């Protein structure tokens, strides 16, 4: 296993710090909700329930996001180790660094053909998700990476 770059470590530390901060915030909010519910006033009880439920929803969202992120990171590592990542180094780029639309669309078409040839291989679905991302279609990229994660988990 390769050692993470300093940039990756920095990102992981920021994510860890934000998660700890959110947990502290959720605890404070949940505690405030309980205090309001114990007051006995109908309006305060209603507010307390709302304040208590919102951190639970936030905690669920945080855990779901972290789980998805870890799964996506695992696929990226496996794809890198197997040498199946998309090579976009020779594609023309805009001044912003993003791949030009026509080149990204052509890349997407070639990867889509791979998926049609091997629909049960998580690797080609991972490549398709990356191609969607390069083409700027983030919602389809997220949907496709979820499919790649499911296929990879089923193949273990």
N, C-alpha and C. Protein backbone atom coordinates (compact mmCIF):
# COMPACT_ATOMS: atom_id res chain seq x y z
N UNK A 1 0.85 -1.18 0.00
CA UNK A 1 0.00 0.00 0.00
C UNK A 1 0.90 1.24 0.00
N UNK A 2 0.56 2.20 -0.84
CA UNK A 2 1.39 3.39 -0.94
C UNK A 2 1.04 4.38 0.16
N UNK A 3 2.04 5.18 0.47
CA UNK A 3 1.86 6.19 1.51
C UNK A 3 1.06 7.36 0.94
N UNK A 4 0.04 7.84 1.65
CA UNK A 4 -0.76 8.97 1.14
C UNK A 4 0.09 10.23 1.02
N UNK A 5 -0.23 11.03 0.03
CA UNK A 5 0.49 12.29 -0.18
C UNK A 5 0.13 13.28 0.93
N UNK A 6 0.97 14.30 1.12
CA UNK A 6 0.65 15.32 2.14
C UNK A 6 -0.71 15.98 1.90
N UNK A 7 -1.07 16.17 0.63
CA UNK A 7 -2.36 16.79 0.32
C UNK A 7 -3.51 15.89 0.78
N UNK A 8 -3.38 14.58 0.54
CA UNK A 8 -4.42 13.64 0.96
C UNK A 8 -4.51 13.62 2.49
N UNK A 9 -3.37 13.61 3.16
CA UNK A 9 -3.38 13.63 4.63
C UNK A 9 -4.04 14.89 5.16
N UNK A 10 -3.75 16.03 4.52
CA UNK A 10 -4.36 17.29 4.94
C UNK A 10 -5.88 17.23 4.79
N UNK A 11 -6.33 16.69 3.68
CA UNK A 11 -7.78 16.57 3.44
C UNK A 11 -8.40 15.64 4.48
N UNK A 12 -7.74 14.53 4.78
CA UNK A 12 -8.26 13.60 5.77
C UNK A 12 -8.33 14.23 7.16
N UNK A 13 -7.33 15.03 7.49
CA UNK A 13 -7.36 15.73 8.78
C UNK A 13 -8.49 16.74 8.85
N UNK A 14 -8.73 17.46 7.75
CA UNK A 14 -9.83 18.42 7.72
C UNK A 14 -11.17 17.69 7.88
N UNK A 15 -11.33 16.58 7.17
CA UNK A 15 -12.56 15.79 7.28
C UNK A 15 -12.74 15.29 8.71
N UNK A 16 -11.69 14.78 9.31
CA UNK A 16 -11.77 14.30 10.70
C UNK A 16 -12.14 15.43 11.65
N UNK A 17 -11.52 16.59 11.49
CA UNK A 17 -11.83 17.73 12.34
C UNK A 17 -13.29 18.15 12.18
N UNK A 18 -13.77 18.22 10.93
CA UNK A 18 -15.16 18.61 10.69
C UNK A 18 -16.13 17.59 11.29
N UNK A 19 -15.80 16.31 11.20
CA UNK A 19 -16.67 15.28 11.79
C UNK A 19 -16.73 15.42 13.31
N UNK A 20 -15.59 15.64 13.94
CA UNK A 20 -15.58 15.84 15.39
C UNK A 20 -16.38 17.07 15.75
N UNK A 21 -16.19 18.17 15.00
CA UNK A 21 -16.94 19.40 15.27
C UNK A 21 -18.44 19.16 15.11
N UNK A 22 -18.83 18.41 14.07
CA UNK A 22 -20.26 18.12 13.88
C UNK A 22 -20.81 17.28 15.02
N UNK A 23 -20.07 16.29 15.46
CA UNK A 23 -20.54 15.44 16.57
C UNK A 23 -20.74 16.29 17.83
N UNK A 24 -19.79 17.18 18.11
CA UNK A 24 -19.94 18.07 19.27
C UNK A 24 -21.18 18.95 19.10
N UNK A 25 -21.35 19.50 17.91
CA UNK A 25 -22.52 20.34 17.62
C UNK A 25 -23.81 19.54 17.79
N UNK A 26 -23.83 18.31 17.24
CA UNK A 26 -25.03 17.48 17.37
C UNK A 26 -25.32 17.18 18.84
N UNK A 27 -24.29 16.92 19.63
CA UNK A 27 -24.49 16.65 21.05
C UNK A 27 -25.07 17.87 21.76
N UNK A 28 -24.52 19.05 21.48
CA UNK A 28 -25.03 20.28 22.10
C UNK A 28 -26.49 20.52 21.69
N UNK A 29 -26.79 20.34 20.42
CA UNK A 29 -28.17 20.55 19.95
C UNK A 29 -29.12 19.52 20.57
N UNK A 30 -28.69 18.25 20.59
CA UNK A 30 -29.53 17.22 21.19
C UNK A 30 -29.80 17.49 22.66
N UNK A 31 -28.76 17.93 23.37
CA UNK A 31 -28.92 18.28 24.79
C UNK A 31 -29.90 19.44 24.96
N UNK A 32 -29.78 20.44 24.07
CA UNK A 32 -30.72 21.57 24.13
C UNK A 32 -32.15 21.11 23.87
N UNK A 33 -32.30 20.17 22.95
CA UNK A 33 -33.63 19.64 22.67
C UNK A 33 -34.22 18.93 23.87
N UNK A 34 -33.41 18.15 24.56
CA UNK A 34 -33.87 17.44 25.76
C UNK A 34 -34.27 18.44 26.84
N UNK A 35 -33.47 19.49 27.04
CA UNK A 35 -33.79 20.51 28.04
C UNK A 35 -35.13 21.16 27.72
N UNK A 36 -35.35 21.48 26.44
CA UNK A 36 -36.62 22.09 26.05
C UNK A 36 -37.79 21.13 26.27
N UNK A 37 -37.59 19.85 25.96
CA UNK A 37 -38.68 18.88 26.14
C UNK A 37 -39.03 18.70 27.61
N UNK A 38 -38.05 18.84 28.49
CA UNK A 38 -38.29 18.68 29.93
C UNK A 38 -38.97 19.90 30.55
N UNK A 39 -39.06 20.99 29.82
CA UNK A 39 -39.63 22.22 30.39
C UNK A 39 -41.12 22.10 30.70
N UNK A 40 -41.81 21.24 29.96
CA UNK A 40 -43.24 21.06 30.21
C UNK A 40 -44.13 21.98 29.40
N UNK A 41 -43.60 23.02 28.81
CA UNK A 41 -44.39 23.93 27.98
C UNK A 41 -44.62 23.29 26.61
N UNK A 42 -45.88 23.30 26.11
CA UNK A 42 -46.17 22.66 24.83
C UNK A 42 -45.31 23.20 23.67
N UNK A 43 -45.15 24.51 23.59
CA UNK A 43 -44.34 25.07 22.50
C UNK A 43 -42.88 24.66 22.64
N UNK A 44 -42.37 24.67 23.85
CA UNK A 44 -40.97 24.28 24.09
C UNK A 44 -40.76 22.80 23.80
N UNK A 45 -41.77 21.98 24.13
CA UNK A 45 -41.67 20.55 23.84
C UNK A 45 -41.59 20.33 22.33
N UNK A 46 -42.44 21.02 21.59
CA UNK A 46 -42.42 20.91 20.13
C UNK A 46 -41.08 21.34 19.55
N UNK A 47 -40.57 22.47 20.02
CA UNK A 47 -39.25 22.93 19.57
C UNK A 47 -38.17 21.94 19.98
N UNK A 48 -38.28 21.42 21.19
CA UNK A 48 -37.29 20.45 21.68
C UNK A 48 -37.24 19.20 20.82
N UNK A 49 -38.41 18.72 20.42
CA UNK A 49 -38.46 17.53 19.55
C UNK A 49 -37.76 17.83 18.23
N UNK A 50 -38.08 19.00 17.65
CA UNK A 50 -37.44 19.38 16.39
C UNK A 50 -35.94 19.53 16.53
N UNK A 51 -35.52 20.17 17.59
CA UNK A 51 -34.08 20.37 17.82
C UNK A 51 -33.39 19.04 18.10
N UNK A 52 -34.09 18.09 18.71
CA UNK A 52 -33.51 16.79 19.00
C UNK A 52 -33.42 15.93 17.73
N UNK A 53 -34.42 16.02 16.86
CA UNK A 53 -34.46 15.19 15.65
C UNK A 53 -33.44 15.65 14.61
N UNK A 54 -33.26 16.96 14.45
CA UNK A 54 -32.35 17.46 13.42
C UNK A 54 -30.91 16.94 13.57
N UNK A 55 -30.34 16.90 14.77
CA UNK A 55 -29.00 16.31 14.87
C UNK A 55 -28.95 14.83 14.50
N UNK A 56 -30.04 14.10 14.77
CA UNK A 56 -30.08 12.69 14.38
C UNK A 56 -30.02 12.56 12.86
N UNK A 57 -30.76 13.41 12.17
CA UNK A 57 -30.73 13.42 10.71
C UNK A 57 -29.33 13.81 10.22
N UNK A 58 -28.75 14.81 10.86
CA UNK A 58 -27.40 15.24 10.49
C UNK A 58 -26.37 14.14 10.71
N UNK A 59 -26.50 13.42 11.81
CA UNK A 59 -25.57 12.32 12.10
C UNK A 59 -25.70 11.23 11.05
N UNK A 60 -26.95 10.89 10.70
CA UNK A 60 -27.17 9.89 9.65
C UNK A 60 -26.54 10.35 8.34
N UNK A 61 -26.73 11.62 7.95
CA UNK A 61 -26.17 12.14 6.70
C UNK A 61 -24.64 12.10 6.74
N UNK A 62 -24.06 12.45 7.87
CA UNK A 62 -22.61 12.44 7.99
C UNK A 62 -22.06 11.02 7.84
N UNK A 63 -22.67 10.06 8.52
CA UNK A 63 -22.21 8.67 8.44
C UNK A 63 -22.38 8.12 7.03
N UNK A 64 -23.51 8.40 6.39
CA UNK A 64 -23.74 7.93 5.02
C UNK A 64 -22.71 8.52 4.06
N UNK A 65 -22.41 9.79 4.22
CA UNK A 65 -21.44 10.45 3.36
C UNK A 65 -20.04 9.88 3.57
N UNK A 66 -19.67 9.66 4.83
CA UNK A 66 -18.36 9.07 5.12
C UNK A 66 -18.24 7.66 4.56
N UNK A 67 -19.28 6.86 4.72
CA UNK A 67 -19.25 5.49 4.19
C UNK A 67 -19.09 5.49 2.68
N UNK A 68 -19.84 6.37 2.01
CA UNK A 68 -19.72 6.47 0.55
C UNK A 68 -18.32 6.94 0.16
N UNK A 69 -17.80 7.91 0.87
CA UNK A 69 -16.46 8.41 0.57
C UNK A 69 -15.40 7.34 0.74
N UNK A 70 -15.49 6.55 1.81
CA UNK A 70 -14.53 5.47 2.01
C UNK A 70 -14.64 4.42 0.90
N UNK A 71 -15.87 4.10 0.50
CA UNK A 71 -16.07 3.12 -0.57
C UNK A 71 -15.50 3.64 -1.89
N UNK A 72 -15.73 4.91 -2.18
CA UNK A 72 -15.22 5.49 -3.43
C UNK A 72 -13.70 5.55 -3.40
N UNK A 73 -13.15 5.88 -2.24
CA UNK A 73 -11.70 5.94 -2.10
C UNK A 73 -11.09 4.55 -2.29
N UNK A 74 -11.77 3.54 -1.79
CA UNK A 74 -11.30 2.16 -1.97
C UNK A 74 -11.27 1.80 -3.44
N UNK A 75 -12.33 2.13 -4.17
CA UNK A 75 -12.37 1.83 -5.60
C UNK A 75 -11.26 2.56 -6.34
N UNK A 76 -11.04 3.82 -6.00
CA UNK A 76 -9.98 4.59 -6.65
C UNK A 76 -8.62 3.94 -6.40
N UNK A 77 -8.39 3.48 -5.18
CA UNK A 77 -7.12 2.82 -4.86
C UNK A 77 -6.98 1.52 -5.63
N UNK A 78 -8.06 0.71 -5.66
CA UNK A 78 -8.01 -0.56 -6.40
C UNK A 78 -7.80 -0.32 -7.89
N UNK A 79 -8.49 0.68 -8.44
CA UNK A 79 -8.33 0.99 -9.87
C UNK A 79 -6.90 1.42 -10.16
N UNK A 80 -6.33 2.21 -9.27
CA UNK A 80 -4.94 2.64 -9.45
C UNK A 80 -3.99 1.45 -9.38
N UNK A 81 -4.19 0.57 -8.39
CA UNK A 81 -3.33 -0.61 -8.24
C UNK A 81 -3.43 -1.54 -9.43
N UNK A 82 -4.63 -1.64 -10.03
CA UNK A 82 -4.82 -2.53 -11.17
C UNK A 82 -4.51 -1.84 -12.49
N UNK A 83 -4.23 -0.56 -12.45
CA UNK A 83 -3.88 0.18 -13.67
C UNK A 83 -5.04 0.39 -14.62
N UNK A 84 -6.25 0.53 -14.08
CA UNK A 84 -7.42 0.70 -14.95
C UNK A 84 -8.00 2.12 -14.88
N UNK A 85 -7.24 3.05 -14.30
CA UNK A 85 -7.72 4.43 -14.26
C UNK A 85 -7.74 5.01 -15.68
N UNK A 86 -8.57 6.00 -15.87
CA UNK A 86 -8.60 6.69 -17.16
C UNK A 86 -7.38 7.58 -17.28
N UNK A 87 -6.73 7.52 -18.44
CA UNK A 87 -5.59 8.40 -18.69
C UNK A 87 -6.10 9.62 -19.45
N UNK A 88 -6.11 10.74 -18.78
CA UNK A 88 -6.60 11.98 -19.39
C UNK A 88 -5.48 13.00 -19.58
N UNK A 89 -4.24 12.54 -19.42
CA UNK A 89 -3.11 13.47 -19.48
C UNK A 89 -2.93 14.09 -20.86
N UNK A 90 -3.33 13.37 -21.92
CA UNK A 90 -3.14 13.90 -23.26
C UNK A 90 -4.37 14.62 -23.82
N UNK A 91 -5.44 14.70 -23.05
CA UNK A 91 -6.65 15.37 -23.53
C UNK A 91 -6.50 16.89 -23.41
N UNK A 92 -7.06 17.62 -24.38
CA UNK A 92 -6.96 19.09 -24.32
C UNK A 92 -7.74 19.65 -23.13
N UNK A 93 -7.14 20.66 -22.52
CA UNK A 93 -7.75 21.24 -21.31
C UNK A 93 -8.02 22.72 -21.51
N UNK A 94 -9.02 23.20 -20.78
CA UNK A 94 -9.34 24.63 -20.75
C UNK A 94 -8.31 25.34 -19.87
N UNK A 95 -8.29 26.66 -19.91
CA UNK A 95 -7.37 27.39 -19.01
C UNK A 95 -7.61 27.07 -17.54
N UNK A 96 -8.84 26.68 -17.19
CA UNK A 96 -9.15 26.34 -15.79
C UNK A 96 -8.58 24.99 -15.38
N UNK A 97 -8.13 24.19 -16.36
CA UNK A 97 -7.60 22.87 -16.06
C UNK A 97 -8.58 21.75 -16.34
N UNK A 98 -9.85 22.10 -16.55
CA UNK A 98 -10.86 21.08 -16.86
C UNK A 98 -10.69 20.63 -18.30
N UNK A 99 -11.06 19.39 -18.55
CA UNK A 99 -10.96 18.83 -19.90
C UNK A 99 -12.00 19.49 -20.79
N UNK A 100 -11.61 19.78 -22.04
CA UNK A 100 -12.54 20.39 -22.99
C UNK A 100 -13.73 19.46 -23.21
N UNK A 101 -14.87 20.05 -23.39
CA UNK A 101 -16.14 19.31 -23.46
C UNK A 101 -16.13 18.24 -24.54
N UNK A 102 -15.69 18.57 -25.75
CA UNK A 102 -15.70 17.59 -26.85
C UNK A 102 -14.81 16.39 -26.53
N UNK A 103 -13.64 16.65 -25.94
CA UNK A 103 -12.73 15.56 -25.58
C UNK A 103 -13.34 14.71 -24.47
N UNK A 104 -13.97 15.33 -23.50
CA UNK A 104 -14.61 14.59 -22.41
C UNK A 104 -15.76 13.74 -22.95
N UNK A 105 -16.53 14.29 -23.89
CA UNK A 105 -17.63 13.53 -24.49
C UNK A 105 -17.10 12.32 -25.27
N UNK A 106 -16.00 12.50 -26.01
CA UNK A 106 -15.41 11.39 -26.76
C UNK A 106 -14.90 10.32 -25.80
N UNK A 107 -14.28 10.74 -24.71
CA UNK A 107 -13.82 9.81 -23.69
C UNK A 107 -15.00 9.03 -23.12
N UNK A 108 -16.08 9.74 -22.83
CA UNK A 108 -17.28 9.10 -22.29
C UNK A 108 -17.80 8.03 -23.26
N UNK A 109 -17.86 8.35 -24.55
CA UNK A 109 -18.37 7.39 -25.54
C UNK A 109 -17.53 6.12 -25.56
N UNK A 110 -16.21 6.26 -25.50
CA UNK A 110 -15.35 5.07 -25.54
C UNK A 110 -15.53 4.22 -24.28
N UNK A 111 -15.67 4.86 -23.14
CA UNK A 111 -15.85 4.11 -21.89
C UNK A 111 -17.23 3.47 -21.85
N UNK A 112 -18.22 4.15 -22.39
CA UNK A 112 -19.57 3.57 -22.42
C UNK A 112 -19.58 2.26 -23.22
N UNK A 113 -18.79 2.22 -24.30
CA UNK A 113 -18.68 0.99 -25.08
C UNK A 113 -18.08 -0.14 -24.24
N UNK A 114 -17.12 0.19 -23.38
CA UNK A 114 -16.54 -0.81 -22.48
C UNK A 114 -17.60 -1.38 -21.54
N UNK A 115 -18.46 -0.50 -21.03
CA UNK A 115 -19.51 -0.94 -20.10
C UNK A 115 -20.48 -1.87 -20.81
N UNK A 116 -20.82 -1.54 -22.05
CA UNK A 116 -21.74 -2.41 -22.79
C UNK A 116 -21.12 -3.78 -23.05
N UNK A 117 -19.79 -3.83 -23.19
CA UNK A 117 -19.12 -5.10 -23.43
C UNK A 117 -18.97 -5.92 -22.15
N UNK A 118 -18.79 -5.25 -21.00
CA UNK A 118 -18.58 -5.95 -19.72
C UNK A 118 -19.44 -5.31 -18.63
N UNK A 119 -20.75 -5.51 -18.68
CA UNK A 119 -21.65 -4.81 -17.75
C UNK A 119 -21.54 -5.26 -16.29
N UNK A 120 -20.89 -6.38 -16.02
CA UNK A 120 -20.79 -6.87 -14.64
C UNK A 120 -19.44 -6.59 -14.00
N UNK A 121 -18.61 -5.81 -14.66
CA UNK A 121 -17.27 -5.51 -14.15
C UNK A 121 -17.27 -4.14 -13.48
N UNK A 122 -16.96 -4.10 -12.19
CA UNK A 122 -16.96 -2.83 -11.46
C UNK A 122 -15.94 -1.85 -12.04
N UNK A 123 -14.86 -2.37 -12.62
CA UNK A 123 -13.80 -1.50 -13.14
C UNK A 123 -14.30 -0.59 -14.25
N UNK A 124 -15.10 -1.16 -15.16
CA UNK A 124 -15.59 -0.32 -16.26
C UNK A 124 -16.65 0.66 -15.76
N UNK A 125 -17.41 0.28 -14.74
CA UNK A 125 -18.37 1.22 -14.16
C UNK A 125 -17.64 2.34 -13.43
N UNK A 126 -16.53 2.01 -12.78
CA UNK A 126 -15.72 3.05 -12.15
C UNK A 126 -15.19 4.02 -13.22
N UNK A 127 -14.69 3.45 -14.31
CA UNK A 127 -14.18 4.29 -15.40
C UNK A 127 -15.30 5.16 -15.99
N UNK A 128 -16.50 4.59 -16.11
CA UNK A 128 -17.63 5.36 -16.62
C UNK A 128 -17.98 6.51 -15.68
N UNK A 129 -17.94 6.24 -14.38
CA UNK A 129 -18.21 7.31 -13.40
C UNK A 129 -17.20 8.43 -13.55
N UNK A 130 -15.94 8.08 -13.71
CA UNK A 130 -14.90 9.11 -13.91
C UNK A 130 -15.14 9.87 -15.21
N UNK A 131 -15.56 9.16 -16.26
CA UNK A 131 -15.83 9.82 -17.54
C UNK A 131 -17.01 10.79 -17.40
N UNK A 132 -18.06 10.37 -16.70
CA UNK A 132 -19.18 11.28 -16.43
C UNK A 132 -18.68 12.53 -15.69
N UNK A 133 -17.82 12.32 -14.71
CA UNK A 133 -17.29 13.44 -13.94
C UNK A 133 -16.49 14.38 -14.84
N UNK A 134 -15.64 13.82 -15.69
CA UNK A 134 -14.87 14.66 -16.61
C UNK A 134 -15.76 15.40 -17.59
N UNK A 135 -16.90 14.78 -17.96
CA UNK A 135 -17.84 15.43 -18.88
C UNK A 135 -18.72 16.45 -18.16
N UNK A 136 -18.61 16.53 -16.84
CA UNK A 136 -19.36 17.52 -16.08
C UNK A 136 -20.72 17.06 -15.59
N UNK A 137 -21.04 15.78 -15.75
CA UNK A 137 -22.34 15.26 -15.33
C UNK A 137 -22.18 14.59 -13.96
N UNK A 138 -22.17 15.40 -12.92
CA UNK A 138 -21.87 14.91 -11.58
C UNK A 138 -22.96 13.98 -11.03
N UNK A 139 -24.22 14.25 -11.33
CA UNK A 139 -25.28 13.40 -10.77
C UNK A 139 -25.17 11.98 -11.34
N UNK A 140 -24.92 11.85 -12.63
CA UNK A 140 -24.74 10.51 -13.20
C UNK A 140 -23.45 9.87 -12.72
N UNK A 141 -22.43 10.69 -12.49
CA UNK A 141 -21.17 10.15 -11.95
C UNK A 141 -21.41 9.53 -10.58
N UNK A 142 -22.17 10.21 -9.72
CA UNK A 142 -22.46 9.66 -8.39
C UNK A 142 -23.27 8.38 -8.49
N UNK A 143 -24.27 8.38 -9.34
CA UNK A 143 -25.11 7.19 -9.52
C UNK A 143 -24.27 6.02 -10.04
N UNK A 144 -23.38 6.30 -10.97
CA UNK A 144 -22.57 5.25 -11.57
C UNK A 144 -21.52 4.72 -10.60
N UNK A 145 -20.93 5.59 -9.80
CA UNK A 145 -19.94 5.13 -8.82
C UNK A 145 -20.61 4.25 -7.77
N UNK A 146 -21.87 4.55 -7.43
CA UNK A 146 -22.60 3.68 -6.49
C UNK A 146 -22.77 2.28 -7.09
N UNK A 147 -23.06 2.23 -8.38
CA UNK A 147 -23.19 0.93 -9.07
C UNK A 147 -21.85 0.20 -9.04
N UNK A 148 -20.76 0.92 -9.28
CA UNK A 148 -19.43 0.30 -9.25
C UNK A 148 -19.13 -0.25 -7.86
N UNK A 149 -19.49 0.49 -6.82
CA UNK A 149 -19.27 0.03 -5.44
C UNK A 149 -20.06 -1.25 -5.19
N UNK A 150 -21.33 -1.28 -5.61
CA UNK A 150 -22.15 -2.49 -5.40
C UNK A 150 -21.54 -3.70 -6.12
N UNK A 151 -21.09 -3.49 -7.37
CA UNK A 151 -20.50 -4.59 -8.13
C UNK A 151 -19.19 -5.07 -7.50
N UNK A 152 -18.38 -4.13 -7.02
CA UNK A 152 -17.11 -4.52 -6.39
C UNK A 152 -17.38 -5.29 -5.10
N UNK A 153 -18.35 -4.85 -4.31
CA UNK A 153 -18.68 -5.55 -3.07
C UNK A 153 -19.21 -6.94 -3.36
N UNK A 154 -19.99 -7.08 -4.42
CA UNK A 154 -20.53 -8.40 -4.79
C UNK A 154 -19.43 -9.33 -5.29
N UNK A 155 -18.35 -8.77 -5.83
CA UNK A 155 -17.28 -9.60 -6.39
C UNK A 155 -16.31 -10.11 -5.32
N UNK A 156 -16.40 -9.60 -4.10
CA UNK A 156 -15.48 -10.04 -3.03
C UNK A 156 -15.82 -11.41 -2.55
